[in-house]
Amino acid sequence: MTSTAKTKTTPPSATFYGNVGNDPETLSFEARSELVTVYDPIIDDMVEKLIDAPASSALRFSVAVNYKDGEEDRTRWINIFDPEKLAAKNLVRKGDRVKITGYFRTRQGIDTKTGEPREYRNLVLQALHVEKRKVRELPAEAPAAEATPEPTTTPRRTRKAS
């Protein structure tokens, strides 16, 4: 008799280069408890078990990836789910050029506009590197002239003629 052992494998990862489409926004998840039915090999039967999920948070943003389809230039938008908050650690903002690595996850949900069931596909972020930051202008309330102080000069001492 042969047996096959299953090991936990990580999903295949993908790497993309693109521009951040919006500032990362925070998603908050409340703590919850759920009663699930699991198999217990000791008693060789199904048992109900209470599983607690602690409160947590993550970031969500999108990245525009440009590619060529024959002669035509196209843009694909990828929704990013960032459970490790790598975007906040790297101060990522809209317009930054980034290299992202992660794996795709599909989940089921209800479309808010039509109310019909829908599949959502997100890239779960594993690594992020900022390739180039977008040049940002100073805020309107602090113009460039006021942001840099005027250099001050000290009066020169003059020698008395003797």
C-alpha atoms as a PDB file:
ATOM      1  CA  MET A   1       0.000   0.000   0.000  1.00  0.00           C
ATOM      2  CA  THR A   2       1.366   3.423  -0.910  1.00  0.00           C
ATOM      3  CA  SER A   3       0.548   6.692   0.746  1.00  0.00           C
ATOM      4  CA  THR A   4       0.942  10.194  -0.506  1.00  0.00           C
ATOM      5  CA  ALA A   5       1.925  12.943   1.872  1.00  0.00           C
ATOM      6  CA  LYS A   6       0.709  16.432   1.186  1.00  0.00           C
ATOM      7  CA  THR A   7       2.927  19.334   2.101  1.00  0.00           C
ATOM      8  CA  LYS A   8       1.837  22.908   2.418  1.00  0.00           C
ATOM      9  CA  THR A   9       2.908  24.713  -0.713  1.00  0.00           C
ATOM     10  CA  THR A  10       2.933  28.389  -1.431  1.00  0.00           C
ATOM     11  CA  PRO A  11       0.965  29.559  -4.441  1.00  0.00           C
ATOM     12  CA  PRO A  12       3.020  30.477  -7.497  1.00  0.00           C
ATOM     13  CA  SER A  13       4.094  34.104  -7.342  1.00  0.00           C
ATOM     14  CA  ALA A  14       4.126  36.747 -10.048  1.00  0.00           C
ATOM     15  CA  THR A  15       6.188  39.945 -10.383  1.00  0.00           C
ATOM     16  CA  PHE A  16       4.906  43.125 -12.041  1.00  0.00           C
ATOM     17  CA  TYR A  17       6.237  46.626 -12.660  1.00  0.00           C
ATOM     18  CA  GLY A  18       3.640  49.397 -12.690  1.00  0.00           C
ATOM     19  CA  ASN A  19       2.400  52.727 -11.370  1.00  0.00           C
ATOM     20  CA  VAL A  20       0.335  53.033  -8.197  1.00  0.00           C
ATOM     21  CA  GLY A  21      -3.162  54.182  -9.174  1.00  0.00           C
ATOM     22  CA  ASN A  22      -4.396  55.431  -5.793  1.00  0.00           C
ATOM     23  CA  ASP A  23      -3.059  56.072  -2.303  1.00  0.00           C
ATOM     24  CA  PRO A  24      -3.227  52.906  -0.172  1.00  0.00           C
ATOM     25  CA  GLU A  25      -6.356  52.762   1.979  1.00  0.00           C
ATOM     26  CA  THR A  26      -6.700  50.883   5.258  1.00  0.00           C
ATOM     27  CA  LEU A  27      -9.075  47.948   5.633  1.00  0.00           C
ATOM     28  CA  SER A  28     -10.066  46.977   9.195  1.00  0.00           C
ATOM     29  CA  PHE A  29     -11.318  43.538  10.188  1.00  0.00           C
ATOM     30  CA  GLU A  30     -13.129  42.993  13.487  1.00  0.00           C
ATOM     31  CA  ALA A  31     -12.351  40.074  15.779  1.00  0.00           C
ATOM     32  CA  ARG A  32     -14.747  37.182  15.245  1.00  0.00           C
ATOM     33  CA  SER A  33     -15.416  33.636  16.372  1.00  0.00           C
ATOM     34  CA  GLU A  34     -16.732  30.958  14.080  1.00  0.00           C
ATOM     35  CA  LEU A  35     -17.981  27.439  14.740  1.00  0.00           C
ATOM     36  CA  VAL A  36     -16.635  25.039  12.102  1.00  0.00           C
ATOM     37  CA  THR A  37     -16.920  21.294  11.595  1.00  0.00           C
ATOM     38  CA  VAL A  38     -13.546  19.536  11.303  1.00  0.00           C
ATOM     39  CA  TYR A  39     -12.352  15.948  11.201  1.00  0.00           C
ATOM     40  CA  ASP A  40     -10.710  14.652  14.389  1.00  0.00           C
ATOM     41  CA  PRO A  41      -8.480  11.640  13.577  1.00  0.00           C
ATOM     42  CA  ILE A  42      -8.220  10.612  17.245  1.00  0.00           C
ATOM     43  CA  ILE A  43     -11.915   9.800  17.553  1.00  0.00           C
ATOM     44  CA  ASP A  44     -12.339   9.203  13.797  1.00  0.00           C
ATOM     45  CA  ASP A  45     -15.352  11.488  13.554  1.00  0.00           C
ATOM     46  CA  MET A  46     -16.393  15.023  12.676  1.00  0.00           C
ATOM     47  CA  VAL A  47     -16.461  17.500  15.577  1.00  0.00           C
ATOM     48  CA  GLU A  48     -17.436  21.135  15.949  1.00  0.00           C
ATOM     49  CA  LYS A  49     -14.628  23.478  16.910  1.00  0.00           C
ATOM     50  CA  LEU A  50     -14.692  27.168  17.816  1.00  0.00           C
ATOM     51  CA  ILE A  51     -12.077  29.173  15.899  1.00  0.00           C
ATOM     52  CA  ASP A  52     -11.174  32.721  16.961  1.00  0.00           C
ATOM     53  CA  ALA A  53      -9.864  35.245  14.418  1.00  0.00           C
ATOM     54  CA  PRO A  54      -8.232  38.305  16.030  1.00  0.00           C
ATOM     55  CA  ALA A  55      -8.881  41.850  14.864  1.00  0.00           C
ATOM     56  CA  SER A  56      -6.516  42.910  12.102  1.00  0.00           C
ATOM     57  CA  SER A  57      -5.997  45.427   9.326  1.00  0.00           C
ATOM     58  CA  ALA A  58      -4.480  45.522   5.853  1.00  0.00           C
ATOM     59  CA  LEU A  59      -3.964  47.960   2.976  1.00  0.00           C
ATOM     60  CA  ARG A  60      -5.617  48.021  -0.437  1.00  0.00           C
ATOM     61  CA  PHE A  61      -4.507  49.881  -3.577  1.00  0.00           C
ATOM     62  CA  SER A  62      -4.264  49.349  -7.335  1.00  0.00           C
ATOM     63  CA  VAL A  63      -1.378  49.250  -9.795  1.00  0.00           C
ATOM     64  CA  ALA A  64      -1.531  50.014 -13.546  1.00  0.00           C
ATOM     65  CA  VAL A  65       0.631  47.662 -15.621  1.00  0.00           C
ATOM     66  CA  ASN A  66       1.283  48.633 -19.249  1.00  0.00           C
ATOM     67  CA  TYR A  67       1.901  45.991 -21.922  1.00  0.00           C
ATOM     68  CA  LYS A  68       1.798  45.552 -25.694  1.00  0.00           C
ATOM     69  CA  ASP A  69      -0.831  43.399 -27.399  1.00  0.00           C
ATOM     70  CA  GLY A  70       0.578  43.095 -30.912  1.00  0.00           C
ATOM     71  CA  GLU A  71       0.900  46.699 -32.059  1.00  0.00           C
ATOM     72  CA  GLU A  72      -1.542  48.074 -29.495  1.00  0.00           C
ATOM     73  CA  ASP A  73      -0.530  49.486 -26.081  1.00  0.00           C
ATOM     74  CA  ARG A  74      -2.794  48.301 -23.254  1.00  0.00           C
ATOM     75  CA  THR A  75      -3.140  48.890 -19.522  1.00  0.00           C
ATOM     76  CA  ARG A  76      -4.173  46.244 -17.008  1.00  0.00           C
ATOM     77  CA  TRP A  77      -5.270  47.306 -13.512  1.00  0.00           C
ATOM     78  CA  ILE A  78      -4.334  44.953 -10.683  1.00  0.00           C
ATOM     79  CA  ASN A  79      -6.003  45.215  -7.277  1.00  0.00           C
ATOM     80  CA  ILE A  80      -3.448  44.737  -4.490  1.00  0.00           C
ATOM     81  CA  PHE A  81      -4.196  43.355  -1.006  1.00  0.00           C
ATOM     82  CA  ASP A  82      -1.352  44.159   1.406  1.00  0.00           C
ATOM     83  CA  PRO A  83      -1.742  42.275   4.726  1.00  0.00           C
ATOM     84  CA  GLU A  84       1.819  43.109   5.866  1.00  0.00           C
ATOM     85  CA  LYS A  85       1.358  46.867   5.199  1.00  0.00           C
ATOM     86  CA  LEU A  86       4.490  47.004   3.040  1.00  0.00           C
ATOM     87  CA  ALA A  87       3.097  50.019   1.171  1.00  0.00           C
ATOM     88  CA  ALA A  88       2.937  52.056   4.395  1.00  0.00           C
ATOM     89  CA  LYS A  89       6.465  51.000   5.400  1.00  0.00           C
ATOM     90  CA  ASN A  90       7.785  52.181   2.011  1.00  0.00           C
ATOM     91  CA  LEU A  91       5.647  55.364   1.976  1.00  0.00           C
ATOM     92  CA  VAL A  92       3.999  54.416  -1.322  1.00  0.00           C
ATOM     93  CA  ARG A  93       1.661  57.005  -2.839  1.00  0.00           C
ATOM     94  CA  LYS A  94      -0.295  57.523  -6.035  1.00  0.00           C
ATOM     95  CA  GLY A  95       1.947  57.812  -9.112  1.00  0.00           C
ATOM     96  CA  ASP A  96       4.982  55.970  -7.705  1.00  0.00           C
ATOM     97  CA  ARG A  97       6.619  53.368  -9.963  1.00  0.00           C
ATOM     98  CA  VAL A  98       6.820  50.054  -8.071  1.00  0.00           C
ATOM     99  CA  LYS A  99       7.944  46.454  -8.486  1.00  0.00           C
ATOM    100  CA  ILE A 100       5.454  44.129  -6.786  1.00  0.00           C
ATOM    101  CA  THR A 101       5.617  40.390  -6.147  1.00  0.00           C
ATOM    102  CA  GLY A 102       2.757  38.279  -4.857  1.00  0.00           C
ATOM    103  CA  TYR A 103       0.223  35.591  -5.628  1.00  0.00           C
ATOM    104  CA  PHE A 104      -3.311  35.833  -6.952  1.00  0.00           C
ATOM    105  CA  ARG A 105      -6.271  35.007  -4.740  1.00  0.00           C
ATOM    106  CA  THR A 106      -9.855  34.756  -5.937  1.00  0.00           C
ATOM    107  CA  ARG A 107     -12.806  35.306  -3.625  1.00  0.00           C
ATOM    108  CA  GLN A 108     -16.556  35.286  -4.062  1.00  0.00           C
ATOM    109  CA  GLY A 109     -18.644  38.361  -3.312  1.00  0.00           C
ATOM    110  CA  ILE A 110     -21.750  40.316  -4.220  1.00  0.00           C
ATOM    111  CA  ASP A 111     -21.495  43.163  -6.735  1.00  0.00           C
ATOM    112  CA  THR A 112     -22.652  46.337  -4.952  1.00  0.00           C
ATOM    113  CA  LYS A 113     -24.095  47.862  -8.135  1.00  0.00           C
ATOM    114  CA  THR A 114     -26.022  44.895  -9.553  1.00  0.00           C
ATOM    115  CA  GLY A 115     -26.457  42.717  -6.452  1.00  0.00           C
ATOM    116  CA  GLU A 116     -25.314  39.644  -8.384  1.00  0.00           C
ATOM    117  CA  PRO A 117     -22.629  37.169  -7.291  1.00  0.00           C
ATOM    118  CA  ARG A 118     -19.164  38.009  -8.609  1.00  0.00           C
ATOM    119  CA  GLU A 119     -15.566  36.800  -8.431  1.00  0.00           C
ATOM    120  CA  TYR A 120     -12.909  39.223  -7.229  1.00  0.00           C
ATOM    121  CA  ARG A 121      -9.236  38.601  -8.002  1.00  0.00           C
ATOM    122  CA  ASN A 122      -6.550  40.331  -5.919  1.00  0.00           C
ATOM    123  CA  LEU A 123      -2.785  40.081  -5.802  1.00  0.00           C
ATOM    124  CA  VAL A 124      -1.709  39.328  -2.227  1.00  0.00           C
ATOM    125  CA  LEU A 125       1.463  41.356  -1.808  1.00  0.00           C
ATOM    126  CA  GLN A 126       4.602  39.516  -0.669  1.00  0.00           C
ATOM    127  CA  ALA A 127       7.327  41.998  -1.688  1.00  0.00           C
ATOM    128  CA  LEU A 128       7.364  45.625  -2.803  1.00  0.00           C
ATOM    129  CA  HIS A 129      10.175  47.845  -4.088  1.00  0.00           C
ATOM    130  CA  VAL A 130       9.750  51.513  -5.026  1.00  0.00           C
ATOM    131  CA  GLU A 131      11.538  51.998  -8.359  1.00  0.00           C
ATOM    132  CA  LYS A 132      10.832  55.724  -8.754  1.00  0.00           C
ATOM    133  CA  ARG A 133       8.886  58.218  -6.691  1.00  0.00           C
ATOM    134  CA  LYS A 134       6.574  60.701  -8.361  1.00  0.00           C
ATOM    135  CA  VAL A 135       7.746  64.292  -7.988  1.00  0.00           C
ATOM    136  CA  ARG A 136       5.197  66.088  -5.863  1.00  0.00           C
ATOM    137  CA  GLU A 137       4.678  69.809  -5.568  1.00  0.00           C
ATOM    138  CA  LEU A 138       4.554  71.700  -2.292  1.00  0.00           C
ATOM    139  CA  PRO A 139       1.095  72.193  -0.751  1.00  0.00           C
ATOM    140  CA  ALA A 140      -0.766  75.378  -1.730  1.00  0.00           C
ATOM    141  CA  GLU A 141      -0.562  76.845   1.793  1.00  0.00           C
ATOM    142  CA  ALA A 142       3.268  76.779   1.720  1.00  0.00           C
ATOM    143  CA  PRO A 143       4.498  78.353  -1.526  1.00  0.00           C
ATOM    144  CA  ALA A 144       8.116  77.847  -2.539  1.00  0.00           C
ATOM    145  CA  ALA A 145       9.075  81.441  -1.700  1.00  0.00           C
ATOM    146  CA  GLU A 146       7.876  81.061   1.898  1.00  0.00           C
ATOM    147  CA  ALA A 147       9.275  77.562   2.301  1.00  0.00           C
ATOM    148  CA  THR A 148      12.898  78.692   1.972  1.00  0.00           C
ATOM    149  CA  PRO A 149      13.915  81.542   4.283  1.00  0.00           C
ATOM    150  CA  GLU A 150      15.763  84.530   2.913  1.00  0.00           C
ATOM    151  CA  PRO A 151      19.494  84.408   3.596  1.00  0.00           C
ATOM    152  CA  THR A 152      20.498  86.919   6.198  1.00  0.00           C
ATOM    153  CA  THR A 153      23.609  89.014   5.825  1.00  0.00           C
ATOM    154  CA  THR A 154      25.569  90.531   8.635  1.00  0.00           C
ATOM    155  CA  PRO A 155      26.771  94.099   8.245  1.00  0.00           C
ATOM    156  CA  ARG A 156      30.447  94.374   7.487  1.00  0.00           C
ATOM    157  CA  ARG A 157      32.653  96.247   9.834  1.00  0.00           C
ATOM    158  CA  THR A 158      34.492  99.111   8.280  1.00  0.00           C
ATOM    159  CA  ARG A 159      37.925 100.215   9.305  1.00  0.00           C
ATOM    160  CA  LYS A 160      38.468 103.675  10.585  1.00  0.00           C
ATOM    161  CA  ALA A 161      40.865 105.676   8.480  1.00  0.00           C
ATOM    162  CA  SER A 162      43.724 106.902  10.618  1.00  0.00           C
END
